[in-house]
mmCIF file of all heavy atoms, coordinates in Angstrom:
data_MODEL
# 
_entry.id   MODEL 
# 
loop_
_atom_site.group_PDB 
_atom_site.id 
_atom_site.type_symbol 
_atom_site.label_atom_id 
_atom_site.label_alt_id 
_atom_site.label_comp_id 
_atom_site.label_asym_id 
_atom_site.label_entity_id 
_atom_site.label_seq_id 
_atom_site.pdbx_PDB_ins_code 
_atom_site.Cartn_x 
_atom_site.Cartn_y 
_atom_site.Cartn_z 
_atom_site.occupancy 
_atom_site.B_iso_or_equiv 
_atom_site.pdbx_formal_charge 
_atom_site.auth_seq_id 
_atom_site.auth_comp_id 
_atom_site.auth_asym_id 
_atom_site.auth_atom_id 
_atom_site.pdbx_PDB_model_num 
ATOM 1   N N   . VAL A 1 1  ? 40.530 143.196 105.737 1.00 0.00 ? 1  VAL A N   1 
ATOM 2   C CA  . VAL A 1 1  ? 40.990 144.567 105.882 1.00 0.00 ? 1  VAL A CA  1 
ATOM 3   C C   . VAL A 1 1  ? 42.499 144.526 106.070 1.00 0.00 ? 1  VAL A C   1 
ATOM 4   O O   . VAL A 1 1  ? 43.037 143.618 106.692 1.00 0.00 ? 1  VAL A O   1 
ATOM 5   C CB  . VAL A 1 1  ? 40.308 145.276 107.075 1.00 0.00 ? 1  VAL A CB  1 
ATOM 6   C CG1 . VAL A 1 1  ? 40.671 144.620 108.402 1.00 0.00 ? 1  VAL A CG1 1 
ATOM 7   C CG2 . VAL A 1 1  ? 40.665 146.762 107.097 1.00 0.00 ? 1  VAL A CG2 1 
ATOM 8   N N   . LEU A 1 2  ? 43.171 145.500 105.483 1.00 0.00 ? 2  LEU A N   1 
ATOM 9   C CA  . LEU A 1 2  ? 44.622 145.594 105.612 1.00 0.00 ? 2  LEU A CA  1 
ATOM 10  C C   . LEU A 1 2  ? 45.005 147.018 105.968 1.00 0.00 ? 2  LEU A C   1 
ATOM 11  O O   . LEU A 1 2  ? 44.614 147.971 105.280 1.00 0.00 ? 2  LEU A O   1 
ATOM 12  C CB  . LEU A 1 2  ? 45.309 145.204 104.300 1.00 0.00 ? 2  LEU A CB  1 
ATOM 13  C CG  . LEU A 1 2  ? 46.826 145.491 104.211 1.00 0.00 ? 2  LEU A CG  1 
ATOM 14  C CD1 . LEU A 1 2  ? 47.591 144.666 105.245 1.00 0.00 ? 2  LEU A CD1 1 
ATOM 15  C CD2 . LEU A 1 2  ? 47.352 145.209 102.804 1.00 0.00 ? 2  LEU A CD2 1 
ATOM 16  N N   . ALA A 1 3  ? 45.745 147.170 107.049 1.00 0.00 ? 3  ALA A N   1 
ATOM 17  C CA  . ALA A 1 3  ? 46.322 148.458 107.426 1.00 0.00 ? 3  ALA A CA  1 
ATOM 18  C C   . ALA A 1 3  ? 47.832 148.287 107.531 1.00 0.00 ? 3  ALA A C   1 
ATOM 19  O O   . ALA A 1 3  ? 48.322 147.242 107.965 1.00 0.00 ? 3  ALA A O   1 
ATOM 20  C CB  . ALA A 1 3  ? 45.740 148.945 108.755 1.00 0.00 ? 3  ALA A CB  1 
ATOM 21  N N   . ILE A 1 4  ? 48.552 149.311 107.120 1.00 0.00 ? 4  ILE A N   1 
ATOM 22  C CA  . ILE A 1 4  ? 50.015 149.261 107.172 1.00 0.00 ? 4  ILE A CA  1 
ATOM 23  C C   . ILE A 1 4  ? 50.518 150.451 107.975 1.00 0.00 ? 4  ILE A C   1 
ATOM 24  O O   . ILE A 1 4  ? 49.867 151.498 108.038 1.00 0.00 ? 4  ILE A O   1 
ATOM 25  C CB  . ILE A 1 4  ? 50.635 149.281 105.756 1.00 0.00 ? 4  ILE A CB  1 
ATOM 26  C CG1 . ILE A 1 4  ? 50.210 150.538 104.973 1.00 0.00 ? 4  ILE A CG1 1 
ATOM 27  C CG2 . ILE A 1 4  ? 50.261 148.011 104.993 1.00 0.00 ? 4  ILE A CG2 1 
ATOM 28  C CD1 . ILE A 1 4  ? 50.889 150.690 103.626 1.00 0.00 ? 4  ILE A CD1 1 
ATOM 29  N N   . PRO A 1 5  ? 51.677 150.319 108.609 1.00 0.00 ? 5  PRO A N   1 
ATOM 30  C CA  . PRO A 1 5  ? 52.253 151.466 109.324 1.00 0.00 ? 5  PRO A CA  1 
ATOM 31  C C   . PRO A 1 5  ? 52.624 152.567 108.341 1.00 0.00 ? 5  PRO A C   1 
ATOM 32  O O   . PRO A 1 5  ? 53.044 152.289 107.217 1.00 0.00 ? 5  PRO A O   1 
ATOM 33  C CB  . PRO A 1 5  ? 53.487 150.871 110.006 1.00 0.00 ? 5  PRO A CB  1 
ATOM 34  C CG  . PRO A 1 5  ? 53.836 149.657 109.211 1.00 0.00 ? 5  PRO A CG  1 
ATOM 35  C CD  . PRO A 1 5  ? 52.538 149.113 108.701 1.00 0.00 ? 5  PRO A CD  1 
ATOM 36  N N   . ASP A 1 6  ? 52.458 153.794 108.758 1.00 0.00 ? 6  ASP A N   1 
ATOM 37  C CA  . ASP A 1 6  ? 52.761 154.929 107.891 1.00 0.00 ? 6  ASP A CA  1 
ATOM 38  C C   . ASP A 1 6  ? 54.273 155.152 107.848 1.00 0.00 ? 6  ASP A C   1 
ATOM 39  O O   . ASP A 1 6  ? 54.810 156.021 108.547 1.00 0.00 ? 6  ASP A O   1 
ATOM 40  C CB  . ASP A 1 6  ? 52.050 156.184 108.388 1.00 0.00 ? 6  ASP A CB  1 
ATOM 41  C CG  . ASP A 1 6  ? 52.357 157.399 107.525 1.00 0.00 ? 6  ASP A CG  1 
ATOM 42  O OD1 . ASP A 1 6  ? 52.747 157.184 106.348 1.00 0.00 ? 6  ASP A OD1 1 
ATOM 43  O OD2 . ASP A 1 6  ? 52.237 158.538 108.022 1.00 0.00 ? 6  ASP A OD2 1 
ATOM 44  N N   . ILE A 1 7  ? 54.933 154.371 106.996 1.00 0.00 ? 7  ILE A N   1 
ATOM 45  C CA  . ILE A 1 7  ? 56.394 154.466 106.912 1.00 0.00 ? 7  ILE A CA  1 
ATOM 46  C C   . ILE A 1 7  ? 56.849 155.803 106.328 1.00 0.00 ? 7  ILE A C   1 
ATOM 47  O O   . ILE A 1 7  ? 58.031 156.129 106.382 1.00 0.00 ? 7  ILE A O   1 
ATOM 48  C CB  . ILE A 1 7  ? 56.999 153.307 106.087 1.00 0.00 ? 7  ILE A CB  1 
ATOM 49  C CG1 . ILE A 1 7  ? 56.463 153.309 104.646 1.00 0.00 ? 7  ILE A CG1 1 
ATOM 50  C CG2 . ILE A 1 7  ? 56.745 151.976 106.772 1.00 0.00 ? 7  ILE A CG2 1 
ATOM 51  C CD1 . ILE A 1 7  ? 57.193 152.340 103.740 1.00 0.00 ? 7  ILE A CD1 1 
ATOM 52  N N   . ASN A 1 8  ? 55.904 156.604 105.816 1.00 0.00 ? 8  ASN A N   1 
ATOM 53  C CA  . ASN A 1 8  ? 56.279 157.938 105.340 1.00 0.00 ? 8  ASN A CA  1 
ATOM 54  C C   . ASN A 1 8  ? 56.816 158.811 106.469 1.00 0.00 ? 8  ASN A C   1 
ATOM 55  O O   . ASN A 1 8  ? 57.543 159.775 106.221 1.00 0.00 ? 8  ASN A O   1 
ATOM 56  C CB  . ASN A 1 8  ? 55.087 158.631 104.672 1.00 0.00 ? 8  ASN A CB  1 
ATOM 57  C CG  . ASN A 1 8  ? 54.911 158.209 103.222 1.00 0.00 ? 8  ASN A CG  1 
ATOM 58  O OD1 . ASN A 1 8  ? 55.577 157.278 102.762 1.00 0.00 ? 8  ASN A OD1 1 
ATOM 59  N ND2 . ASN A 1 8  ? 54.038 158.874 102.505 1.00 0.00 ? 8  ASN A ND2 1 
ATOM 60  N N   . GLN A 1 9  ? 56.458 158.488 107.706 1.00 0.00 ? 9  GLN A N   1 
ATOM 61  C CA  . GLN A 1 9  ? 57.005 159.217 108.843 1.00 0.00 ? 9  GLN A CA  1 
ATOM 62  C C   . GLN A 1 9  ? 58.523 159.057 108.920 1.00 0.00 ? 9  GLN A C   1 
ATOM 63  O O   . GLN A 1 9  ? 59.218 159.922 109.464 1.00 0.00 ? 9  GLN A O   1 
ATOM 64  C CB  . GLN A 1 9  ? 56.358 158.747 110.145 1.00 0.00 ? 9  GLN A CB  1 
ATOM 65  C CG  . GLN A 1 9  ? 54.897 159.100 110.269 1.00 0.00 ? 9  GLN A CG  1 
ATOM 66  C CD  . GLN A 1 9  ? 54.303 158.690 111.609 1.00 0.00 ? 9  GLN A CD  1 
ATOM 67  O OE1 . GLN A 1 9  ? 55.002 158.224 112.500 1.00 0.00 ? 9  GLN A OE1 1 
ATOM 68  N NE2 . GLN A 1 9  ? 53.001 158.872 111.763 1.00 0.00 ? 9  GLN A NE2 1 
ATOM 69  N N   . ILE A 1 10 ? 59.022 157.955 108.360 1.00 0.00 ? 10 ILE A N   1 
ATOM 70  C CA  . ILE A 1 10 ? 60.472 157.723 108.309 1.00 0.00 ? 10 ILE A CA  1 
ATOM 71  C C   . ILE A 1 10 ? 61.041 158.220 106.984 1.00 0.00 ? 10 ILE A C   1 
ATOM 72  O O   . ILE A 1 10 ? 62.073 158.893 106.947 1.00 0.00 ? 10 ILE A O   1 
ATOM 73  C CB  . ILE A 1 10 ? 60.779 156.219 108.489 1.00 0.00 ? 10 ILE A CB  1 
ATOM 74  C CG1 . ILE A 1 10 ? 60.239 155.726 109.830 1.00 0.00 ? 10 ILE A CG1 1 
ATOM 75  C CG2 . ILE A 1 10 ? 62.282 155.958 108.392 1.00 0.00 ? 10 ILE A CG2 1 
ATOM 76  C CD1 . ILE A 1 10 ? 60.304 154.225 110.001 1.00 0.00 ? 10 ILE A CD1 1 
ATOM 77  N N   . LEU A 1 11 ? 60.353 157.903 105.893 1.00 0.00 ? 11 LEU A N   1 
ATOM 78  C CA  . LEU A 1 11 ? 60.877 158.237 104.562 1.00 0.00 ? 11 LEU A CA  1 
ATOM 79  C C   . LEU A 1 11 ? 60.991 159.744 104.339 1.00 0.00 ? 11 LEU A C   1 
ATOM 80  O O   . LEU A 1 11 ? 61.803 160.178 103.530 1.00 0.00 ? 11 LEU A O   1 
ATOM 81  C CB  . LEU A 1 11 ? 59.980 157.620 103.479 1.00 0.00 ? 11 LEU A CB  1 
ATOM 82  C CG  . LEU A 1 11 ? 59.896 156.087 103.451 1.00 0.00 ? 11 LEU A CG  1 
ATOM 83  C CD1 . LEU A 1 11 ? 58.985 155.632 102.329 1.00 0.00 ? 11 LEU A CD1 1 
ATOM 84  C CD2 . LEU A 1 11 ? 61.273 155.464 103.313 1.00 0.00 ? 11 LEU A CD2 1 
ATOM 85  N N   . ILE A 1 12 ? 60.196 160.537 105.044 1.00 0.00 ? 12 ILE A N   1 
ATOM 86  C CA  . ILE A 1 12 ? 60.246 161.981 104.865 1.00 0.00 ? 12 ILE A CA  1 
ATOM 87  C C   . ILE A 1 12 ? 61.613 162.546 105.249 1.00 0.00 ? 12 ILE A C   1 
ATOM 88  O O   . ILE A 1 12 ? 62.010 163.618 104.799 1.00 0.00 ? 12 ILE A O   1 
ATOM 89  C CB  . ILE A 1 12 ? 59.119 162.669 105.675 1.00 0.00 ? 12 ILE A CB  1 
ATOM 90  C CG1 . ILE A 1 12 ? 58.890 164.091 105.166 1.00 0.00 ? 12 ILE A CG1 1 
ATOM 91  C CG2 . ILE A 1 12 ? 59.426 162.655 107.173 1.00 0.00 ? 12 ILE A CG2 1 
ATOM 92  C CD1 . ILE A 1 12 ? 57.650 164.756 105.728 1.00 0.00 ? 12 ILE A CD1 1 
ATOM 93  N N   . LYS A 1 13 ? 62.357 161.797 106.061 1.00 0.00 ? 13 LYS A N   1 
ATOM 94  C CA  . LYS A 1 13 ? 63.692 162.231 106.484 1.00 0.00 ? 13 LYS A CA  1 
ATOM 95  C C   . LYS A 1 13 ? 64.777 161.797 105.496 1.00 0.00 ? 13 LYS A C   1 
ATOM 96  O O   . LYS A 1 13 ? 65.929 162.193 105.625 1.00 0.00 ? 13 LYS A O   1 
ATOM 97  C CB  . LYS A 1 13 ? 64.008 161.650 107.865 1.00 0.00 ? 13 LYS A CB  1 
ATOM 98  C CG  . LYS A 1 13 ? 62.966 161.975 108.933 1.00 0.00 ? 13 LYS A CG  1 
ATOM 99  C CD  . LYS A 1 13 ? 63.210 161.150 110.185 1.00 0.00 ? 13 LYS A CD  1 
ATOM 100 C CE  . LYS A 1 13 ? 62.085 161.321 111.186 1.00 0.00 ? 13 LYS A CE  1 
ATOM 101 N NZ  . LYS A 1 13 ? 62.256 160.442 112.379 1.00 0.00 ? 13 LYS A NZ  1 
ATOM 102 N N   . ASN A 1 14 ? 64.380 160.978 104.531 1.00 0.00 ? 14 ASN A N   1 
ATOM 103 C CA  . ASN A 1 14 ? 65.332 160.386 103.591 1.00 0.00 ? 14 ASN A CA  1 
ATOM 104 C C   . ASN A 1 14 ? 65.233 161.144 102.271 1.00 0.00 ? 14 ASN A C   1 
ATOM 105 O O   . ASN A 1 14 ? 64.558 160.722 101.339 1.00 0.00 ? 14 ASN A O   1 
ATOM 106 C CB  . ASN A 1 14 ? 64.982 158.905 103.401 1.00 0.00 ? 14 ASN A CB  1 
ATOM 107 C CG  . ASN A 1 14 ? 66.114 158.115 102.813 1.00 0.00 ? 14 ASN A CG  1 
ATOM 108 O OD1 . ASN A 1 14 ? 67.262 158.536 102.871 1.00 0.00 ? 14 ASN A OD1 1 
ATOM 109 N ND2 . ASN A 1 14 ? 65.796 156.971 102.248 1.00 0.00 ? 14 ASN A ND2 1 
ATOM 110 N N   . LYS A 1 15 ? 65.907 162.277 102.177 1.00 0.00 ? 15 LYS A N   1 
ATOM 111 C CA  . LYS A 1 15 ? 65.593 163.305 101.197 1.00 0.00 ? 15 LYS A CA  1 
ATOM 112 C C   . LYS A 1 15 ? 65.629 162.882 99.734  1.00 0.00 ? 15 LYS A C   1 
ATOM 113 O O   . LYS A 1 15 ? 64.935 163.454 98.911  1.00 0.00 ? 15 LYS A O   1 
ATOM 114 C CB  . LYS A 1 15 ? 66.509 164.516 101.415 1.00 0.00 ? 15 LYS A CB  1 
ATOM 115 C CG  . LYS A 1 15 ? 66.231 165.253 102.722 1.00 0.00 ? 15 LYS A CG  1 
ATOM 116 C CD  . LYS A 1 15 ? 64.756 165.645 102.833 1.00 0.00 ? 15 LYS A CD  1 
ATOM 117 C CE  . LYS A 1 15 ? 64.424 166.335 104.137 1.00 0.00 ? 15 LYS A CE  1 
ATOM 118 N NZ  . LYS A 1 15 ? 62.979 166.625 104.274 1.00 0.00 ? 15 LYS A NZ  1 
ATOM 119 N N   . ARG A 1 16 ? 66.406 161.923 99.346  1.00 0.00 ? 16 ARG A N   1 
ATOM 120 C CA  . ARG A 1 16 ? 66.434 161.519 97.936  1.00 0.00 ? 16 ARG A CA  1 
ATOM 121 C C   . ARG A 1 16 ? 66.036 160.056 97.730  1.00 0.00 ? 16 ARG A C   1 
ATOM 122 O O   . ARG A 1 16 ? 66.310 159.461 96.697  1.00 0.00 ? 16 ARG A O   1 
ATOM 123 C CB  . ARG A 1 16 ? 67.802 161.806 97.311  1.00 0.00 ? 16 ARG A CB  1 
ATOM 124 C CG  . ARG A 1 16 ? 68.129 163.295 97.293  1.00 0.00 ? 16 ARG A CG  1 
ATOM 125 C CD  . ARG A 1 16 ? 69.339 163.615 96.453  1.00 0.00 ? 16 ARG A CD  1 
ATOM 126 N NE  . ARG A 1 16 ? 69.098 163.481 95.016  1.00 0.00 ? 16 ARG A NE  1 
ATOM 127 C CZ  . ARG A 1 16 ? 68.495 164.397 94.263  1.00 0.00 ? 16 ARG A CZ  1 
ATOM 128 N NH1 . ARG A 1 16 ? 68.034 165.514 94.801  1.00 0.00 ? 16 ARG A NH1 1 
ATOM 129 N NH2 . ARG A 1 16 ? 68.345 164.216 92.973  1.00 0.00 ? 16 ARG A NH2 1 
ATOM 130 N N   . GLY A 1 17 ? 65.382 159.493 98.735  1.00 0.00 ? 17 GLY A N   1 
ATOM 131 C CA  . GLY A 1 17 ? 64.799 158.173 98.574  1.00 0.00 ? 17 GLY A CA  1 
ATOM 132 C C   . GLY A 1 17 ? 65.768 157.011 98.578  1.00 0.00 ? 17 GLY A C   1 
ATOM 133 O O   . GLY A 1 17 ? 65.389 155.886 98.237  1.00 0.00 ? 17 GLY A O   1 
ATOM 134 N N   . ARG A 1 18 ? 67.017 157.257 98.956  1.00 0.00 ? 18 ARG A N   1 
ATOM 135 C CA  . ARG A 1 18 ? 67.995 156.164 98.966  1.00 0.00 ? 18 ARG A CA  1 
ATOM 136 C C   . ARG A 1 18 ? 67.951 155.422 100.288 1.00 0.00 ? 18 ARG A C   1 
ATOM 137 O O   . ARG A 1 18 ? 67.907 156.034 101.357 1.00 0.00 ? 18 ARG A O   1 
ATOM 138 C CB  . ARG A 1 18 ? 69.420 156.705 98.751  1.00 0.00 ? 18 ARG A CB  1 
ATOM 139 C CG  . ARG A 1 18 ? 69.911 156.736 97.314  1.00 0.00 ? 18 ARG A CG  1 
ATOM 140 C CD  . ARG A 1 18 ? 69.042 157.531 96.397  1.00 0.00 ? 18 ARG A CD  1 
ATOM 141 N NE  . ARG A 1 18 ? 69.640 157.688 95.067  1.00 0.00 ? 18 ARG A NE  1 
ATOM 142 C CZ  . ARG A 1 18 ? 69.108 158.442 94.135  1.00 0.00 ? 18 ARG A CZ  1 
ATOM 143 N NH1 . ARG A 1 18 ? 67.987 159.108 94.366  1.00 0.00 ? 18 ARG A NH1 1 
ATOM 144 N NH2 . ARG A 1 18 ? 69.686 158.546 92.951  1.00 0.00 ? 18 ARG A NH2 1 
ATOM 145 N N   . LEU A 1 19 ? 67.992 154.094 100.211 1.00 0.00 ? 19 LEU A N   1 
ATOM 146 C CA  . LEU A 1 19 ? 68.030 153.284 101.425 1.00 0.00 ? 19 LEU A CA  1 
ATOM 147 C C   . LEU A 1 19 ? 69.443 153.151 101.973 1.00 0.00 ? 19 LEU A C   1 
ATOM 148 O O   . LEU A 1 19 ? 69.633 152.822 103.143 1.00 0.00 ? 19 LEU A O   1 
ATOM 149 C CB  . LEU A 1 19 ? 67.459 151.890 101.145 1.00 0.00 ? 19 LEU A CB  1 
ATOM 150 C CG  . LEU A 1 19 ? 65.941 151.832 100.935 1.00 0.00 ? 19 LEU A CG  1 
ATOM 151 C CD1 . LEU A 1 19 ? 65.511 150.404 100.634 1.00 0.00 ? 19 LEU A CD1 1 
ATOM 152 C CD2 . LEU A 1 19 ? 65.188 152.361 102.141 1.00 0.00 ? 19 LEU A CD2 1 
ATOM 153 N N   . LEU A 1 20 ? 70.433 153.371 101.113 1.00 0.00 ? 20 LEU A N   1 
ATOM 154 C CA  . LEU A 1 20 ? 71.821 153.252 101.549 1.00 0.00 ? 20 LEU A CA  1 
ATOM 155 C C   . LEU A 1 20 ? 72.487 154.625 101.504 1.00 0.00 ? 20 LEU A C   1 
ATOM 156 O O   . LEU A 1 20 ? 72.175 155.438 100.635 1.00 0.00 ? 20 LEU A O   1 
ATOM 157 C CB  . LEU A 1 20 ? 72.573 152.257 100.655 1.00 0.00 ? 20 LEU A CB  1 
ATOM 158 C CG  . LEU A 1 20 ? 72.048 150.824 100.668 1.00 0.00 ? 20 LEU A CG  1 
ATOM 159 C CD1 . LEU A 1 20 ? 72.793 149.990 99.621  1.00 0.00 ? 20 LEU A CD1 1 
ATOM 160 C CD2 . LEU A 1 20 ? 72.186 150.196 102.033 1.00 0.00 ? 20 LEU A CD2 1 
ATOM 161 N N   . PRO A 1 21 ? 73.397 154.929 102.449 1.00 0.00 ? 21 PRO A N   1 
ATOM 162 C CA  . PRO A 1 21 ? 73.879 154.015 103.485 1.00 0.00 ? 21 PRO A CA  1 
ATOM 163 C C   . PRO A 1 21 ? 73.052 154.008 104.772 1.00 0.00 ? 21 PRO A C   1 
ATOM 164 O O   . PRO A 1 21 ? 73.155 153.090 105.578 1.00 0.00 ? 21 PRO A O   1 
ATOM 165 C CB  . PRO A 1 21 ? 75.280 154.555 103.771 1.00 0.00 ? 21 PRO A CB  1 
ATOM 166 C CG  . PRO A 1 21 ? 75.145 156.025 103.536 1.00 0.00 ? 21 PRO A CG  1 
ATOM 167 C CD  . PRO A 1 21 ? 74.180 156.170 102.394 1.00 0.00 ? 21 PRO A CD  1 
ATOM 168 N N   . PHE A 1 22 ? 72.192 155.052 104.998 1.00 0.00 ? 22 PHE A N   1 
ATOM 169 C CA  . PHE A 1 22 ? 71.554 155.162 106.301 1.00 0.00 ? 22 PHE A CA  1 
ATOM 170 C C   . PHE A 1 22 ? 70.046 154.934 106.295 1.00 0.00 ? 22 PHE A C   1 
ATOM 171 O O   . PHE A 1 22 ? 69.446 154.685 107.338 1.00 0.00 ? 22 PHE A O   1 
ATOM 172 C CB  . PHE A 1 22 ? 71.843 156.544 106.903 1.00 0.00 ? 22 PHE A CB  1 
ATOM 173 C CG  . PHE A 1 22 ? 73.311 156.861 107.013 1.00 0.00 ? 22 PHE A CG  1 
ATOM 174 C CD1 . PHE A 1 22 ? 73.857 157.899 106.284 1.00 0.00 ? 22 PHE A CD1 1 
ATOM 175 C CD2 . PHE A 1 22 ? 74.130 156.095 107.826 1.00 0.00 ? 22 PHE A CD2 1 
ATOM 176 C CE1 . PHE A 1 22 ? 75.204 158.193 106.374 1.00 0.00 ? 22 PHE A CE1 1 
ATOM 177 C CE2 . PHE A 1 22 ? 75.484 156.383 107.916 1.00 0.00 ? 22 PHE A CE2 1 
ATOM 178 C CZ  . PHE A 1 22 ? 76.026 157.431 107.196 1.00 0.00 ? 22 PHE A CZ  1 
ATOM 179 N N   . GLY A 1 23 ? 69.424 155.019 105.106 1.00 0.00 ? 23 GLY A N   1 
ATOM 180 C CA  . GLY A 1 23 ? 67.974 154.901 105.047 1.00 0.00 ? 23 GLY A CA  1 
ATOM 181 C C   . GLY A 1 23 ? 67.443 153.590 105.573 1.00 0.00 ? 23 GLY A C   1 
ATOM 182 O O   . GLY A 1 23 ? 66.410 153.541 106.244 1.00 0.00 ? 23 GLY A O   1 
ATOM 183 N N   . ILE A 1 24 ? 68.125 152.509 105.283 1.00 0.00 ? 24 ILE A N   1 
ATOM 184 C CA  . ILE A 1 24 ? 67.666 151.188 105.737 1.00 0.00 ? 24 ILE A CA  1 
ATOM 185 C C   . ILE A 1 24 ? 67.671 151.096 107.249 1.00 0.00 ? 24 ILE A C   1 
ATOM 186 O O   . ILE A 1 24 ? 66.807 150.453 107.854 1.00 0.00 ? 24 ILE A O   1 
ATOM 187 C CB  . ILE A 1 24 ? 68.545 150.063 105.112 1.00 0.00 ? 24 ILE A CB  1 
ATOM 188 C CG1 . ILE A 1 24 ? 67.936 148.692 105.396 1.00 0.00 ? 24 ILE A CG1 1 
ATOM 189 C CG2 . ILE A 1 24 ? 69.987 150.151 105.603 1.00 0.00 ? 24 ILE A CG2 1 
ATOM 190 C CD1 . ILE A 1 24 ? 66.629 148.453 104.698 1.00 0.00 ? 24 ILE A CD1 1 
# 
């Protein structure tokens, strides 16, 4: 079994999906 943390809770704040400069 594999479960992963729901990183969408963070990505939802990253409006255009960019990791840089602040998303990472």
